[in-house]
Protein backbone atom coordinates (compact mmCIF):
# COMPACT_ATOMS: atom_id res chain seq x y z
CA MET A 1 0.00 0.00 0.00
CA ASN A 2 1.64 3.31 -1.09
CA THR A 3 1.47 6.64 0.70
CA LYS A 4 -1.21 8.09 -1.55
CA ASN A 5 -3.49 5.09 -1.11
CA ILE A 6 -3.05 5.10 2.66
CA LEU A 7 -3.86 8.79 2.83
CA ILE A 8 -6.96 8.41 0.64
CA ALA A 9 -8.10 5.41 2.67
CA PHE A 10 -7.88 7.29 5.94
CA ILE A 11 -9.61 10.38 4.57
CA CYS A 12 -12.47 8.14 3.47
CA LEU A 13 -12.54 6.36 6.82
CA THR A 14 -12.59 9.66 8.68
CA LEU A 15 -15.46 11.04 6.59
CA LEU A 16 -17.44 7.82 6.87
CA SER A 17 -16.96 7.68 10.63
CA CYS A 18 -18.68 11.05 11.04
CA GLY A 19 -21.94 9.70 9.69
CA ASP A 20 -21.77 6.10 10.83
CA ASN A 21 -20.60 6.14 14.45
CA LYS A 22 -23.62 4.23 15.67
CA SER A 23 -23.14 1.27 13.33
CA LYS A 24 -19.38 1.21 13.99
CA ASN A 25 -19.94 1.11 17.73
CA GLN A 26 -22.47 -1.67 17.35
CA LYS A 27 -20.04 -3.70 15.26
CA SER A 28 -17.20 -3.30 17.75
CA SER A 29 -18.66 -4.67 20.95
CA GLU A 30 -16.10 -7.48 20.89
CA ALA A 31 -12.30 -7.26 20.86
CA PRO A 32 -11.19 -9.84 18.21
CA ILE A 33 -10.78 -7.26 15.42
CA ILE A 34 -7.90 -5.62 17.31
CA GLU A 35 -6.43 -8.79 18.83
CA GLY A 36 -3.12 -10.07 17.53
CA TYR A 37 0.16 -8.51 16.44
CA TRP A 38 0.59 -5.13 14.76
CA ASN A 39 3.61 -3.45 13.17
CA ARG A 40 4.10 0.31 13.27
CA ILE A 41 4.53 1.41 9.66
CA GLY A 42 4.32 5.18 9.89
CA THR A 43 2.83 8.40 11.21
CA ILE A 44 -0.18 10.34 9.95
CA GLN A 45 -0.18 14.13 10.11
CA LEU A 46 -3.55 15.68 10.95
CA VAL A 47 -4.96 19.16 10.47
CA ASN A 48 -8.24 19.79 12.29
CA GLY A 49 -8.57 16.03 12.62
CA ILE A 50 -8.23 15.42 8.88
CA PRO A 51 -5.27 13.38 7.52
CA VAL A 52 -3.09 15.53 5.25
CA ASP A 53 0.10 13.48 4.99
CA THR A 54 1.44 10.02 5.81
CA MET A 55 5.10 9.53 6.65
CA LEU A 56 6.12 5.89 6.26
CA ILE A 57 9.02 4.43 8.24
CA LYS A 58 10.32 2.68 5.13
CA ASP A 59 10.76 6.10 3.49
CA SER A 60 12.25 7.83 6.54
CA ASP A 61 15.83 8.56 7.58
CA ASN A 62 15.51 5.84 10.24
CA THR A 63 14.45 2.80 8.26
CA ASP A 64 15.81 0.49 10.98
CA PHE A 65 13.18 1.68 13.49
CA LYS A 66 10.92 -1.13 14.71
CA GLN A 67 7.85 -1.08 16.91
CA VAL A 68 5.38 -3.89 17.44
CA LYS A 69 2.29 -4.18 19.59
CA VAL A 70 0.15 -7.12 20.61
CA PHE A 71 -3.38 -7.16 22.01
CA LYS A 72 -4.44 -10.43 23.62
CA ASP A 73 -7.21 -11.36 26.07
CA GLY A 74 -7.39 -7.87 27.55
CA ASN A 75 -3.58 -7.56 27.83
CA MET A 76 -1.27 -5.39 25.76
CA ILE A 77 2.49 -5.18 25.21
CA TRP A 78 4.31 -2.76 22.93
CA ILE A 79 8.06 -2.67 22.31
CA ASN A 80 10.42 -0.65 20.11
CA ASN A 81 14.13 -0.50 19.35
CA GLN A 82 14.53 3.24 19.88
CA SER A 83 17.73 3.25 21.90
CA ASP A 84 19.46 6.18 23.62
CA SER A 85 23.21 5.96 24.23
CA LEU A 86 22.94 8.49 27.09
CA LEU A 87 20.77 6.17 29.20
CA PRO A 88 22.13 3.37 31.45
CA TRP A 89 20.08 0.86 29.42
CA LYS A 90 21.16 0.71 25.80
CA ALA A 91 18.23 -0.92 23.99
CA GLY A 92 14.74 0.40 23.25
CA MET A 93 11.68 0.62 25.46
CA GLY A 94 8.34 -1.04 25.94
CA GLY A 95 5.17 -1.09 27.99
CA TYR A 96 2.66 -3.54 29.42
CA GLY A 97 -0.88 -3.02 30.59
CA LYS A 98 -4.55 -3.76 30.16
CA PHE A 99 -6.79 -2.57 27.35
CA LYS A 100 -10.46 -2.28 26.54
CA LEU A 101 -11.85 -1.88 23.04
CA ASN A 102 -14.68 0.60 23.49
CA SER A 103 -15.49 0.94 19.79
CA LEU A 104 -13.65 1.06 16.49
CA ASP A 105 -12.98 4.70 17.37
CA SER A 106 -11.70 4.21 20.90
CA ILE A 107 -9.38 2.06 23.01
CA THR A 108 -8.64 2.60 26.69
CA GLU A 109 -5.18 1.46 27.79
CA VAL A 110 -3.91 1.33 31.35
CA ASN A 111 -0.10 1.10 31.28
CA THR A 112 1.10 -0.46 34.53
CA ASN A 113 4.72 -1.31 33.73
CA GLY A 114 7.55 -0.49 31.37
CA THR A 115 11.08 -1.23 30.24
CA GLY A 116 13.80 1.24 29.32
CA TRP A 117 12.88 4.92 29.47
CA TRP A 118 9.15 4.13 29.54
CA GLY A 119 9.58 1.99 32.66
CA THR A 120 10.97 4.99 34.52
CA ALA A 121 8.18 7.26 33.26
CA VAL A 122 5.40 4.88 34.30
CA LYS A 123 6.95 4.23 37.72
CA ASN A 124 7.32 7.96 38.43
CA TYR A 125 3.77 8.67 37.27
CA LYS A 126 2.23 5.95 39.43
CA ASP A 127 4.26 6.89 42.50
CA SER A 128 3.63 10.63 42.23
CA LEU A 129 -0.15 10.23 41.97
CA ASN A 130 -0.52 6.98 43.94
CA LEU A 131 -2.25 5.31 41.01
CA PRO A 132 -2.07 1.67 39.82
CA GLY A 133 -1.43 2.67 36.21
CA TRP A 134 -1.27 5.39 33.57
CA THR A 135 -4.54 5.55 31.66
CA PHE A 136 -4.66 6.58 28.01
CA GLY A 137 -7.84 7.18 26.02
CA LEU A 138 -6.71 6.40 22.49
CA LYS A 139 -8.56 7.88 19.52
CA THR A 140 -8.48 5.11 16.92
CA ASN A 141 -9.72 4.21 13.47
CA ILE A 142 -9.70 0.43 13.23
CA GLU A 143 -10.09 -1.68 10.13
CA GLU A 144 -9.38 -5.39 9.61
CA ASN A 145 -5.68 -5.07 8.77
CA ILE A 146 -4.78 -1.46 9.46
CA TYR A 147 -5.51 1.06 12.18
CA SER A 148 -4.48 4.50 13.39
CA GLN A 149 -3.91 5.52 17.01
CA LYS A 150 -3.80 9.04 18.41
CA ASN A 151 -2.31 8.95 21.91
CA ASN A 152 -3.30 12.49 22.86
CA PRO A 153 -6.65 14.01 21.87
CA ASN A 154 -4.92 17.33 21.04
CA SER A 155 -2.15 15.75 18.98
CA ASN A 156 -1.73 16.56 15.31
CA PHE A 157 -0.16 13.17 14.67
CA ALA A 158 -1.43 9.59 14.77
CA GLU A 159 0.51 6.34 14.70
CA LEU A 160 -0.20 4.08 11.73
CA TRP A 161 -0.21 0.31 12.32
CA GLU A 162 -0.55 -2.70 10.02
CA ARG A 163 -1.56 -6.19 11.11
CA ILE A 164 1.23 -8.79 11.10
CA PRO A 165 0.04 -11.97 9.34
CA ASN A 166 -0.20 -15.08 11.51
CA LEU A 167 2.69 -17.52 11.27
CA GLN A 168 0.78 -20.50 12.61
CA THR A 169 -2.47 -21.61 14.20
CA GLU A 170 -3.06 -21.30 17.92
CA THR A 171 -1.05 -23.39 20.38
CA PRO A 172 -1.58 -24.09 24.09
CA PHE A 173 0.67 -21.07 24.73
CA ASP A 174 -1.43 -18.51 22.92
CA GLY A 175 -2.48 -15.88 25.46
CA ALA A 176 -0.91 -13.73 28.18
CA TRP A 177 1.22 -15.19 31.00
CA LYS A 178 2.84 -13.96 34.19
CA ARG A 179 5.80 -15.56 35.98
CA VAL A 180 4.64 -16.58 39.45
CA TYR A 181 7.29 -19.05 40.71
CA GLU A 182 10.93 -19.91 40.28
CA ILE A 183 12.28 -23.40 40.91
CA SER A 184 15.96 -23.83 41.73
CA TYR A 185 17.83 -26.95 40.58
CA VAL A 186 21.13 -28.48 41.60
CA ASN A 187 22.43 -31.09 39.17
CA GLY A 188 18.95 -31.35 37.66
CA VAL A 189 17.16 -31.89 40.98
CA ALA A 190 14.61 -29.35 42.23
CA VAL A 191 15.72 -28.06 45.63
CA ASP A 192 13.68 -24.90 46.22
CA THR A 193 10.57 -23.08 44.99
CA THR A 194 10.07 -19.35 45.54
CA SER A 195 7.22 -17.06 44.52
CA VAL A 196 7.87 -13.92 42.51
CA PRO A 197 7.14 -11.00 44.85
CA ASN A 198 4.32 -8.76 43.67
CA GLY A 199 5.30 -5.14 43.20
CA SER A 200 9.03 -5.71 42.82
CA VAL A 201 9.35 -7.75 39.61
CA LEU A 202 6.84 -8.16 36.81
CA ASP A 203 7.64 -10.76 34.15
CA VAL A 204 4.90 -11.08 31.54
CA LYS A 205 4.81 -12.74 28.16
CA ILE A 206 2.26 -12.84 25.34
CA PHE A 207 2.15 -15.54 22.66
CA SER A 208 -0.03 -15.16 19.58
CA ASN A 209 -0.06 -17.20 16.36
CA GLY A 210 3.68 -17.81 16.13
CA TYR A 211 4.98 -14.58 17.71
CA TYR A 212 5.91 -13.77 21.28
CA THR A 213 6.90 -10.67 23.25
CA TYR A 214 8.05 -10.56 26.85
CA HIS A 215 8.51 -7.76 29.34
CA VAL A 216 10.42 -7.76 32.65
CA ASP A 217 9.94 -4.63 34.77
CA LEU A 218 12.58 -4.27 37.52
CA THR A 219 11.74 -0.74 38.70
CA GLY A 220 10.43 -2.18 41.99
CA PHE A 221 13.61 -4.21 42.49
CA ALA A 222 16.57 -2.04 41.45
CA ASP A 223 17.64 1.49 42.40
CA PRO A 224 16.95 4.27 39.85
CA ASP A 225 20.69 4.79 39.23
CA ASP A 226 21.23 1.07 38.63
CA PRO A 227 21.24 -0.07 34.98
CA GLN A 228 18.93 -2.93 36.03
CA TYR A 229 16.25 -0.30 36.65
CA GLY A 230 15.58 -0.31 32.90
CA GLY A 231 14.53 -3.96 33.00
CA PHE A 232 14.48 -5.87 29.74
CA GLY A 233 12.13 -7.21 27.09
CA GLY A 234 12.27 -9.10 23.83
CA HIS A 235 10.37 -9.95 20.67
CA GLY A 236 10.55 -12.82 18.20
CA THR A 237 8.86 -15.96 16.93
CA PHE A 238 8.26 -19.37 18.48
CA GLU A 239 7.44 -23.00 17.73
CA TYR A 240 6.07 -25.71 20.01
CA ASN A 241 6.72 -29.43 19.56
CA GLU A 242 3.89 -31.07 21.51
CA GLU A 243 5.35 -34.58 21.14
CA LYS A 244 8.67 -33.61 22.71
CA ASN A 245 7.25 -30.83 24.91
CA ILE A 246 9.85 -28.38 23.58
CA LEU A 247 9.18 -24.68 23.16
CA THR A 248 11.66 -22.99 20.82
CA GLU A 249 11.90 -19.22 20.96
CA TYR A 250 13.77 -17.22 18.30
CA GLN A 251 14.40 -13.80 19.82
CA GLU A 252 15.15 -11.05 17.29
CA TRP A 253 15.57 -7.84 19.31
CA GLY A 254 14.87 -6.38 22.72
CA SER A 255 14.36 -3.41 25.03
CA GLY A 256 15.88 -2.06 28.24
CA ASN A 257 19.11 -3.92 28.92
CA ASN A 258 18.48 -6.52 26.24
CA THR A 259 20.73 -5.42 23.37
CA GLN A 260 20.72 -8.72 21.48
CA ILE A 261 19.94 -8.43 17.77
CA ASN A 262 19.45 -11.61 15.74
CA ASP A 263 18.23 -12.35 12.26
CA PRO A 264 14.84 -14.11 12.22
CA ARG A 265 14.94 -17.83 13.09
CA THR A 266 18.71 -17.86 13.68
CA SER A 267 19.11 -17.98 17.47
CA PRO A 268 16.98 -20.77 18.95
CA ASP A 269 16.43 -21.04 22.70
CA ASN A 270 14.87 -24.39 23.58
CA HIS A 271 12.78 -24.84 26.71
CA SER A 272 11.57 -28.09 28.20
CA ILE A 273 7.88 -27.61 29.00
CA THR A 274 5.60 -29.17 31.58
CA PHE A 275 1.95 -28.13 31.58
CA TYR A 276 0.39 -28.54 35.02
CA ASN A 277 -2.96 -27.55 33.48
CA ASN A 278 -4.19 -25.25 30.72
CA ASP A 279 -3.33 -22.18 32.77
CA LEU A 280 -0.02 -23.11 34.43
CA TYR A 281 3.26 -24.33 32.93
CA LEU A 282 6.92 -24.79 33.81
CA GLN A 283 9.74 -23.92 31.39
CA ILE A 284 13.39 -24.88 31.80
CA SER A 285 15.92 -23.61 29.29
CA GLU A 286 17.71 -26.70 28.02
CA THR A 287 20.81 -24.72 27.04
CA SER A 288 21.26 -22.81 30.30
CA VAL A 289 20.45 -25.80 32.52
CA SER A 290 22.92 -28.09 30.75
CA VAL A 291 25.67 -25.48 30.99
CA LEU A 292 24.95 -24.83 34.66
CA GLU A 293 24.85 -28.53 35.46
CA ASP A 294 28.20 -29.08 33.76
CA ALA A 295 29.61 -26.43 36.09
CA GLY A 296 27.99 -28.05 39.13
CA ALA A 297 25.93 -24.90 39.73
CA THR A 298 22.23 -24.17 40.18
CA GLY A 299 19.73 -24.14 37.32
CA ARG A 300 16.38 -22.36 37.24
CA GLY A 301 12.85 -23.21 36.15
CA LEU A 302 10.18 -20.58 35.56
CA VAL A 303 6.50 -21.18 36.27
CA TYR A 304 4.02 -19.06 34.32
CA LYS A 305 0.33 -18.59 35.05
CA ARG A 306 -2.17 -17.48 32.45
CA ILE A 307 -3.49 -13.93 32.92
CA LYS A 308 -7.26 -13.88 32.55
């Protein structure tokens, strides 16, 4: 889709929305139209609410910029690779929170956690106002495979997003998960189980149709002048072998302190999986555990619980 076509499409959508708000709101009582993965492809310039220009990332001076966002079961994660060499954390930033699709014109997001610079901003906002999250009323224009998002009602710019095609059908992992326990191992034997303390560390992960994004907020654990304060996140693709109970994650890039950059499908991380039930599973990284065992040290298992 070229710039001219995108601009024309959004002008038409804007004009149509003025006379058809009722039918749009009736159509959008359910969230599936927005659920899944989206790729930021550009920015729309607005004058008096009317699109006048579309600036595509592929035509910009920063063609390496990446930003993805996933909506799943009322949960949302976004992540980008916009790094800042002046910050203690050298990768991009990201955010996690809850969302509600009010209509095709409106999404309410409550950002509760972040990585990189955004993690600091969210933490400071919550602490200063004693609030559980930072609420954003997004002005949107949602179609099947493309949507715009204005983060501030007075802004003259809107983000432009395009749906990322599914890589595979749903797996038992598809959904949002939170790390709730850690299991320590010595020479492959479980010796201790500890819960992840609420309020100090948030480790969440969303899987959807072959893609995954995770987010680890450490602002409640580290000091503000500690590089760990930026936390870390990552994005990539995954496969699940149900016969062998092996989850393979192919991370491509990250946020916060995660500066790894890999070509797609080139850096596999295999996890041995045990499902306790549909909403609780244990993952043990086969690579890290084998290395730790060879050194006679302690390995680690992570237990994730589905977020409903």
